[in-house]
Amino acid sequence: MSIAFHSELYSEQAVRGAVEAFSQLATLSVERDGVDWVVRIEDPHPAYGDRVADELANYALKLNR
């Protein structure tokens, strides 16, 4: 699973901060793909599953203020 953050809307610092905050809930990696920061989410914690992506996105948005 992956989630893309458009670089005109999300700073690299916000995306990497969210990845760091959620690093214990999944295996996460960040890479630049054109105009997007792409976060790859692998092996999410069984108790949280697909919600990791949603919550990570919300957290990145909060950090981006």
PDB file of N, CA and C in Angstrom:
ATOM      1  N   MET A   1       0.850  -1.161   0.000  1.00  0.00           N
ATOM      2  CA  MET A   1       0.000   0.000   0.000  1.00  0.00           C
ATOM      3  C   MET A   1       0.901   1.229   0.000  1.00  0.00           C
ATOM      4  N   SER A   2       0.445   2.287  -0.639  1.00  0.00           N
ATOM      5  CA  SER A   2       1.203   3.532  -0.623  1.00  0.00           C
ATOM      6  C   SER A   2       0.229   4.709  -0.601  1.00  0.00           C
ATOM      7  N   ILE A   3       0.760   5.823  -0.173  1.00  0.00           N
ATOM      8  CA  ILE A   3      -0.029   7.047  -0.125  1.00  0.00           C
ATOM      9  C   ILE A   3       0.848   8.182  -0.643  1.00  0.00           C
ATOM     10  N   ALA A   4       0.289   9.016  -1.518  1.00  0.00           N
ATOM     11  CA  ALA A   4       1.043  10.107  -2.135  1.00  0.00           C
ATOM     12  C   ALA A   4       0.624  11.444  -1.527  1.00  0.00           C
ATOM     13  N   PHE A   5       1.622  12.276  -1.271  1.00  0.00           N
ATOM     14  CA  PHE A   5       1.412  13.616  -0.735  1.00  0.00           C
ATOM     15  C   PHE A   5       2.004  14.602  -1.739  1.00  0.00           C
ATOM     16  N   HIS A   6       1.179  15.431  -2.324  1.00  0.00           N
ATOM     17  CA  HIS A   6       1.650  16.389  -3.317  1.00  0.00           C
ATOM     18  C   HIS A   6       2.594  17.386  -2.641  1.00  0.00           C
ATOM     19  N   SER A   7       3.752  17.578  -3.228  1.00  0.00           N
ATOM     20  CA  SER A   7       4.788  18.411  -2.596  1.00  0.00           C
ATOM     21  C   SER A   7       4.426  19.896  -2.541  1.00  0.00           C
ATOM     22  N   GLU A   8       3.450  20.336  -3.315  1.00  0.00           N
ATOM     23  CA  GLU A   8       3.017  21.726  -3.201  1.00  0.00           C
ATOM     24  C   GLU A   8       2.076  21.919  -2.007  1.00  0.00           C
ATOM     25  N   LEU A   9       1.527  20.821  -1.494  1.00  0.00           N
ATOM     26  CA  LEU A   9       0.608  20.885  -0.364  1.00  0.00           C
ATOM     27  C   LEU A   9       1.232  20.393   0.946  1.00  0.00           C
ATOM     28  N   TYR A  10       2.181  19.476   0.845  1.00  0.00           N
ATOM     29  CA  TYR A  10       2.810  18.883   2.024  1.00  0.00           C
ATOM     30  C   TYR A  10       4.317  19.093   1.978  1.00  0.00           C
ATOM     31  N   SER A  11       4.866  19.566   3.075  1.00  0.00           N
ATOM     32  CA  SER A  11       6.321  19.725   3.140  1.00  0.00           C
ATOM     33  C   SER A  11       6.972  18.372   3.398  1.00  0.00           C
ATOM     34  N   GLU A  12       8.207  18.262   2.986  1.00  0.00           N
ATOM     35  CA  GLU A  12       8.963  17.038   3.256  1.00  0.00           C
ATOM     36  C   GLU A  12       9.051  16.811   4.767  1.00  0.00           C
ATOM     37  N   GLN A  13       9.245  17.861   5.520  1.00  0.00           N
ATOM     38  CA  GLN A  13       9.351  17.755   6.975  1.00  0.00           C
ATOM     39  C   GLN A  13       8.074  17.163   7.578  1.00  0.00           C
ATOM     40  N   ALA A  14       6.908  17.578   7.107  1.00  0.00           N
ATOM     41  CA  ALA A  14       5.639  17.057   7.621  1.00  0.00           C
ATOM     42  C   ALA A  14       5.476  15.576   7.298  1.00  0.00           C
ATOM     43  N   VAL A  15       5.806  15.188   6.083  1.00  0.00           N
ATOM     44  CA  VAL A  15       5.672  13.788   5.672  1.00  0.00           C
ATOM     45  C   VAL A  15       6.645  12.920   6.462  1.00  0.00           C
ATOM     46  N   ARG A  16       7.890  13.344   6.554  1.00  0.00           N
ATOM     47  CA  ARG A  16       8.879  12.547   7.296  1.00  0.00           C
ATOM     48  C   ARG A  16       8.556  12.517   8.793  1.00  0.00           C
ATOM     49  N   GLY A  17       8.013  13.586   9.329  1.00  0.00           N
ATOM     50  CA  GLY A  17       7.607  13.607  10.724  1.00  0.00           C
ATOM     51  C   GLY A  17       6.495  12.609  11.004  1.00  0.00           C
ATOM     52  N   ALA A  18       5.537  12.522  10.099  1.00  0.00           N
ATOM     53  CA  ALA A  18       4.448  11.560  10.242  1.00  0.00           C
ATOM     54  C   ALA A  18       4.973  10.130  10.142  1.00  0.00           C
ATOM     55  N   VAL A  19       5.891   9.904   9.209  1.00  0.00           N
ATOM     56  CA  VAL A  19       6.482   8.577   9.062  1.00  0.00           C
ATOM     57  C   VAL A  19       7.215   8.187  10.347  1.00  0.00           C
ATOM     58  N   GLU A  20       7.948   9.107  10.906  1.00  0.00           N
ATOM     59  CA  GLU A  20       8.668   8.823  12.147  1.00  0.00           C
ATOM     60  C   GLU A  20       7.696   8.506  13.284  1.00  0.00           C
ATOM     61  N   ALA A  21       6.620   9.268  13.378  1.00  0.00           N
ATOM     62  CA  ALA A  21       5.648   9.075  14.451  1.00  0.00           C
ATOM     63  C   ALA A  21       4.933   7.725  14.348  1.00  0.00           C
ATOM     64  N   PHE A  22       4.767   7.217  13.141  1.00  0.00           N
ATOM     65  CA  PHE A  22       4.033   5.974  12.933  1.00  0.00           C
ATOM     66  C   PHE A  22       4.933   4.778  12.652  1.00  0.00           C
ATOM     67  N   SER A  23       6.220   4.943  12.824  1.00  0.00           N
ATOM     68  CA  SER A  23       7.178   3.898  12.450  1.00  0.00           C
ATOM     69  C   SER A  23       7.031   2.601  13.237  1.00  0.00           C
ATOM     70  N   GLN A  24       6.403   2.646  14.389  1.00  0.00           N
ATOM     71  CA  GLN A  24       6.223   1.410  15.159  1.00  0.00           C
ATOM     72  C   GLN A  24       4.951   0.665  14.761  1.00  0.00           C
ATOM     73  N   LEU A  25       4.142   1.267  13.904  1.00  0.00           N
ATOM     74  CA  LEU A  25       2.890   0.635  13.496  1.00  0.00           C
ATOM     75  C   LEU A  25       2.964  -0.054  12.139  1.00  0.00           C
ATOM     76  N   ALA A  26       4.068   0.169  11.408  1.00  0.00           N
ATOM     77  CA  ALA A  26       4.238  -0.444  10.087  1.00  0.00           C
ATOM     78  C   ALA A  26       5.673  -0.202   9.626  1.00  0.00           C
ATOM     79  N   THR A  27       6.068  -0.906   8.581  1.00  0.00           N
ATOM     80  CA  THR A  27       7.335  -0.625   7.918  1.00  0.00           C
ATOM     81  C   THR A  27       7.049   0.472   6.899  1.00  0.00           C
ATOM     82  N   LEU A  28       7.686   1.623   7.069  1.00  0.00           N
ATOM     83  CA  LEU A  28       7.396   2.791   6.254  1.00  0.00           C
ATOM     84  C   LEU A  28       8.647   3.284   5.542  1.00  0.00           C
ATOM     85  N   SER A  29       8.469   3.744   4.320  1.00  0.00           N
ATOM     86  CA  SER A  29       9.572   4.366   3.589  1.00  0.00           C
ATOM     87  C   SER A  29       9.019   5.547   2.806  1.00  0.00           C
ATOM     88  N   VAL A  30       9.876   6.547   2.575  1.00  0.00           N
ATOM     89  CA  VAL A  30       9.488   7.759   1.848  1.00  0.00           C
ATOM     90  C   VAL A  30      10.400   7.923   0.645  1.00  0.00           C
ATOM     91  N   GLU A  31       9.815   8.278  -0.476  1.00  0.00           N
ATOM     92  CA  GLU A  31      10.614   8.603  -1.655  1.00  0.00           C
ATOM     93  C   GLU A  31       9.911   9.702  -2.437  1.00  0.00           C
ATOM     94  N   ARG A  32      10.665  10.410  -3.218  1.00  0.00           N
ATOM     95  CA  ARG A  32      10.129  11.470  -4.073  1.00  0.00           C
ATOM     96  C   ARG A  32       9.794  10.845  -5.409  1.00  0.00           C
ATOM     97  N   ASP A  33       8.601  11.108  -5.904  1.00  0.00           N
ATOM     98  CA  ASP A  33       8.172  10.608  -7.205  1.00  0.00           C
ATOM     99  C   ASP A  33       7.542  11.779  -7.956  1.00  0.00           C
ATOM    100  N   GLY A  34       8.339  12.453  -8.736  1.00  0.00           N
ATOM    101  CA  GLY A  34       7.861  13.634  -9.451  1.00  0.00           C
ATOM    102  C   GLY A  34       7.505  14.738  -8.470  1.00  0.00           C
ATOM    103  N   VAL A  35       6.242  15.131  -8.441  1.00  0.00           N
ATOM    104  CA  VAL A  35       5.801  16.203  -7.546  1.00  0.00           C
ATOM    105  C   VAL A  35       5.266  15.667  -6.220  1.00  0.00           C
ATOM    106  N   ASP A  36       5.318  14.370  -6.026  1.00  0.00           N
ATOM    107  CA  ASP A  36       4.758  13.756  -4.821  1.00  0.00           C
ATOM    108  C   ASP A  36       5.825  13.183  -3.898  1.00  0.00           C
ATOM    109  N   TRP A  37       5.507  13.211  -2.610  1.00  0.00           N
ATOM    110  CA  TRP A  37       6.212  12.413  -1.618  1.00  0.00           C
ATOM    111  C   TRP A  37       5.377  11.147  -1.480  1.00  0.00           C
ATOM    112  N   VAL A  38       5.954   9.997  -1.728  1.00  0.00           N
ATOM    113  CA  VAL A  38       5.214   8.740  -1.662  1.00  0.00           C
ATOM    114  C   VAL A  38       5.688   7.962  -0.441  1.00  0.00           C
ATOM    115  N   VAL A  39       4.730   7.595   0.402  1.00  0.00           N
ATOM    116  CA  VAL A  39       5.026   6.780   1.575  1.00  0.00           C
ATOM    117  C   VAL A  39       4.526   5.374   1.286  1.00  0.00           C
ATOM    118  N   ARG A  40       5.428   4.424   1.364  1.00  0.00           N
ATOM    119  CA  ARG A  40       5.076   3.015   1.192  1.00  0.00           C
ATOM    120  C   ARG A  40       4.841   2.428   2.579  1.00  0.00           C
ATOM    121  N   ILE A  41       3.739   1.715   2.706  1.00  0.00           N
ATOM    122  CA  ILE A  41       3.334   1.139   3.980  1.00  0.00           C
ATOM    123  C   ILE A  41       3.286  -0.373   3.817  1.00  0.00           C
ATOM    124  N   GLU A  42       4.132  -1.057   4.571  1.00  0.00           N
ATOM    125  CA  GLU A  42       4.191  -2.513   4.510  1.00  0.00           C
ATOM    126  C   GLU A  42       4.068  -3.076   5.917  1.00  0.00           C
ATOM    127  N   ASP A  43       3.527  -4.258   6.018  1.00  0.00           N
ATOM    128  CA  ASP A  43       3.403  -4.976   7.290  1.00  0.00           C
ATOM    129  C   ASP A  43       2.776  -4.133   8.397  1.00  0.00           C
ATOM    130  N   PRO A  44       1.581  -3.566   8.154  1.00  0.00           N
ATOM    131  CA  PRO A  44       0.961  -2.772   9.216  1.00  0.00           C
ATOM    132  C   PRO A  44       0.643  -3.654  10.430  1.00  0.00           C
ATOM    133  N   HIS A  45       0.666  -3.049  11.597  1.00  0.00           N
ATOM    134  CA  HIS A  45       0.326  -3.742  12.836  1.00  0.00           C
ATOM    135  C   HIS A  45      -1.067  -4.356  12.673  1.00  0.00           C
ATOM    136  N   PRO A  46      -1.244  -5.617  13.057  1.00  0.00           N
ATOM    137  CA  PRO A  46      -2.536  -6.291  12.845  1.00  0.00           C
ATOM    138  C   PRO A  46      -3.726  -5.577  13.495  1.00  0.00           C
ATOM    139  N   ALA A  47      -3.508  -4.906  14.595  1.00  0.00           N
ATOM    140  CA  ALA A  47      -4.612  -4.234  15.280  1.00  0.00           C
ATOM    141  C   ALA A  47      -5.093  -2.987  14.534  1.00  0.00           C
ATOM    142  N   TYR A  48      -4.266  -2.443  13.629  1.00  0.00           N
ATOM    143  CA  TYR A  48      -4.609  -1.186  12.962  1.00  0.00           C
ATOM    144  C   TYR A  48      -4.830  -1.332  11.462  1.00  0.00           C
ATOM    145  N   GLY A  49      -4.188  -2.276  10.835  1.00  0.00           N
ATOM    146  CA  GLY A  49      -4.401  -2.557   9.416  1.00  0.00           C
ATOM    147  C   GLY A  49      -4.347  -1.333   8.528  1.00  0.00           C
ATOM    148  N   ASP A  50      -5.382  -1.177   7.696  1.00  0.00           N
ATOM    149  CA  ASP A  50      -5.431  -0.097   6.713  1.00  0.00           C
ATOM    150  C   ASP A  50      -5.596   1.281   7.346  1.00  0.00           C
ATOM    151  N   ARG A  51      -5.980   1.352   8.605  1.00  0.00           N
ATOM    152  CA  ARG A  51      -6.155   2.656   9.266  1.00  0.00           C
ATOM    153  C   ARG A  51      -4.826   3.386   9.424  1.00  0.00           C
ATOM    154  N   VAL A  52      -3.710   2.652   9.366  1.00  0.00           N
ATOM    155  CA  VAL A  52      -2.403   3.298   9.490  1.00  0.00           C
ATOM    156  C   VAL A  52      -2.256   4.372   8.422  1.00  0.00           C
ATOM    157  N   ALA A  53      -2.642   4.074   7.197  1.00  0.00           N
ATOM    158  CA  ALA A  53      -2.517   5.050   6.102  1.00  0.00           C
ATOM    159  C   ALA A  53      -3.372   6.281   6.364  1.00  0.00           C
ATOM    160  N   ASP A  54      -4.590   6.076   6.796  1.00  0.00           N
ATOM    161  CA  ASP A  54      -5.486   7.205   7.048  1.00  0.00           C
ATOM    162  C   ASP A  54      -4.964   8.091   8.173  1.00  0.00           C
ATOM    163  N   GLU A  55      -4.550   7.467   9.245  1.00  0.00           N
ATOM    164  CA  GLU A  55      -4.075   8.240  10.398  1.00  0.00           C
ATOM    165  C   GLU A  55      -2.746   8.929  10.097  1.00  0.00           C
ATOM    166  N   LEU A  56      -1.871   8.265   9.328  1.00  0.00           N
ATOM    167  CA  LEU A  56      -0.601   8.877   8.931  1.00  0.00           C
ATOM    168  C   LEU A  56      -0.880  10.128   8.093  1.00  0.00           C
ATOM    169  N   ALA A  57      -1.834  10.046   7.184  1.00  0.00           N
ATOM    170  CA  ALA A  57      -2.189  11.199   6.345  1.00  0.00           C
ATOM    171  C   ALA A  57      -2.730  12.344   7.198  1.00  0.00           C
ATOM    172  N   ASN A  58      -3.585  12.024   8.159  1.00  0.00           N
ATOM    173  CA  ASN A  58      -4.112  13.059   9.052  1.00  0.00           C
ATOM    174  C   ASN A  58      -3.000  13.716   9.853  1.00  0.00           C
ATOM    175  N   TYR A  59      -2.071  12.918  10.322  1.00  0.00           N
ATOM    176  CA  TYR A  59      -0.971  13.438  11.128  1.00  0.00           C
ATOM    177  C   TYR A  59      -0.061  14.334  10.282  1.00  0.00           C
ATOM    178  N   ALA A  60       0.219  13.921   9.046  1.00  0.00           N
ATOM    179  CA  ALA A  60       1.040  14.745   8.141  1.00  0.00           C
ATOM    180  C   ALA A  60       0.358  16.079   7.878  1.00  0.00           C
ATOM    181  N   LEU A  61      -0.945  16.059   7.729  1.00  0.00           N
ATOM    182  CA  LEU A  61      -1.693  17.298   7.507  1.00  0.00           C
ATOM    183  C   LEU A  61      -1.557  18.212   8.722  1.00  0.00           C
ATOM    184  N   LYS A  62      -1.666  17.641   9.911  1.00  0.00           N
ATOM    185  CA  LYS A  62      -1.516  18.434  11.139  1.00  0.00           C
ATOM    186  C   LYS A  62      -0.118  19.044  11.223  1.00  0.00           C
ATOM    187  N   LEU A  63       0.913  18.256  10.905  1.00  0.00           N
ATOM    188  CA  LEU A  63       2.287  18.766  10.977  1.00  0.00           C
ATOM    189  C   LEU A  63       2.565  19.815   9.915  1.00  0.00           C
ATOM    190  N   ASN A  64       1.805  19.824   8.861  1.00  0.00           N
ATOM    191  CA  ASN A  64       2.046  20.709   7.728  1.00  0.00           C
ATOM    192  C   ASN A  64       1.588  22.145   7.993  1.00  0.00           C
ATOM    193  N   ARG A  65       0.878  22.395   9.047  1.00  0.00           N
ATOM    194  CA  ARG A  65       0.353  23.738   9.336  1.00  0.00           C
ATOM    195  C   ARG A  65       1.407  24.767   9.498  1.00  0.00           C
TER     196      ARG A  65
END
